[in-house]
Amino acid sequence: MASNLRAFWNSPVGPKTSHFWGPVANWGFVAAGLMDMKKPPEMISGNMTADLHGWCNLETIYFFVAMHPMRPYSYGNSPVGQRGMDRRG
């Protein structure tokens, strides 16, 4: 078990690299957007919602145009960004 953990830690896509933390941060944005859906509209920051919407749309375009194998990431981003703008009004 320790050797497997060490191999993962030192791998080219392990937690020492942006290849690991990039998707973690990406899904963190999606989780934040989903959590905002439970809040009343008055409690949601307009600036943060606009930023989340812009980021989700840019990522969706990037994943569809530049990185075809990464399309599953856009399936989470696009609806969250659109739903956030719907809630904002």
Protein backbone atom coordinates (compact mmCIF):
# COMPACT_ATOMS: atom_id res chain seq x y z
CA MET A 1 0.00 0.00 0.00
CA ALA A 2 2.77 2.45 0.88
CA SER A 3 4.56 1.78 -2.41
CA ASN A 4 1.34 2.46 -4.35
CA LEU A 5 0.84 5.71 -2.47
CA ARG A 6 4.45 6.73 -3.09
CA ALA A 7 4.11 5.89 -6.79
CA PHE A 8 0.96 8.03 -7.04
CA TRP A 9 2.60 10.88 -5.12
CA ASN A 10 5.61 10.94 -7.46
CA SER A 11 3.73 10.24 -10.71
CA PRO A 12 3.57 12.84 -13.52
CA VAL A 13 -0.14 13.37 -12.80
CA GLY A 14 0.01 13.07 -9.01
CA PRO A 15 -0.84 15.68 -6.37
CA LYS A 16 2.43 17.54 -6.92
CA THR A 17 1.25 18.74 -10.34
CA SER A 18 -1.36 21.01 -11.88
CA HIS A 19 -2.69 17.98 -13.77
CA PHE A 20 -4.09 16.83 -10.43
CA TRP A 21 -5.14 20.13 -8.85
CA GLY A 22 -6.60 21.70 -12.01
CA PRO A 23 -9.55 19.29 -12.19
CA VAL A 24 -9.94 19.42 -8.40
CA ALA A 25 -10.32 23.23 -8.59
CA ASN A 26 -12.58 22.93 -11.63
CA TRP A 27 -15.02 20.65 -9.83
CA GLY A 28 -14.74 22.93 -6.79
CA PHE A 29 -16.23 25.74 -8.91
CA VAL A 30 -19.03 23.42 -9.98
CA ALA A 31 -19.68 22.45 -6.34
CA ALA A 32 -19.77 26.14 -5.32
CA GLY A 33 -22.30 26.86 -8.05
CA LEU A 34 -24.46 23.95 -6.99
CA MET A 35 -24.37 25.11 -3.37
CA ASP A 36 -25.48 28.60 -4.46
CA MET A 37 -28.62 27.09 -5.98
CA LYS A 38 -29.90 26.35 -2.48
CA LYS A 39 -29.51 29.97 -1.36
CA PRO A 40 -32.18 32.62 -1.80
CA PRO A 41 -31.37 35.01 -4.70
CA GLU A 42 -30.77 37.93 -2.30
CA MET A 43 -27.87 36.04 -0.70
CA ILE A 44 -26.05 35.34 -3.97
CA SER A 45 -23.28 37.75 -4.96
CA GLY A 46 -23.89 39.25 -8.39
CA ASN A 47 -20.18 39.64 -9.12
CA MET A 48 -19.36 36.08 -8.12
CA THR A 49 -22.25 34.73 -10.17
CA ALA A 50 -21.13 36.70 -13.23
CA ASP A 51 -17.56 35.42 -12.75
CA LEU A 52 -18.75 31.83 -12.36
CA HIS A 53 -20.94 32.19 -15.45
CA GLY A 54 -18.07 33.63 -17.50
CA TRP A 55 -15.61 31.00 -16.29
CA CYS A 56 -18.00 28.14 -16.99
CA ASN A 57 -18.74 29.42 -20.49
CA LEU A 58 -15.05 29.92 -21.32
CA GLU A 59 -14.19 26.46 -20.06
CA THR A 60 -17.05 24.90 -21.99
CA ILE A 61 -15.87 26.52 -25.22
CA TYR A 62 -12.27 25.49 -24.52
CA PHE A 63 -13.20 21.88 -23.79
CA PHE A 64 -15.36 21.58 -26.91
CA VAL A 65 -13.02 23.36 -29.32
CA ALA A 66 -9.49 22.70 -28.09
CA MET A 67 -9.63 19.55 -25.99
CA HIS A 68 -12.11 17.04 -27.34
CA PRO A 69 -11.20 14.29 -24.82
CA MET A 70 -12.05 16.68 -21.98
CA ARG A 71 -15.71 17.16 -22.92
CA PRO A 72 -17.03 15.47 -19.75
CA TYR A 73 -15.70 18.43 -17.74
CA SER A 74 -17.91 20.78 -19.74
CA TYR A 75 -21.00 18.72 -18.96
CA GLY A 76 -20.76 19.90 -15.35
CA ASN A 77 -19.66 23.47 -16.06
CA SER A 78 -22.18 24.61 -18.63
CA PRO A 79 -25.40 23.88 -16.69
CA VAL A 80 -24.01 25.35 -13.47
CA GLY A 81 -23.01 28.59 -15.19
CA GLN A 82 -26.35 28.91 -16.95
CA ARG A 83 -28.37 28.05 -13.84
CA GLY A 84 -26.43 30.61 -11.81
CA MET A 85 -27.42 33.36 -14.23
CA ASP A 86 -31.05 32.18 -14.16
CA ARG A 87 -31.10 32.46 -10.36
CA ARG A 88 -29.53 35.90 -10.49
CA GLY A 89 -32.39 37.19 -12.56
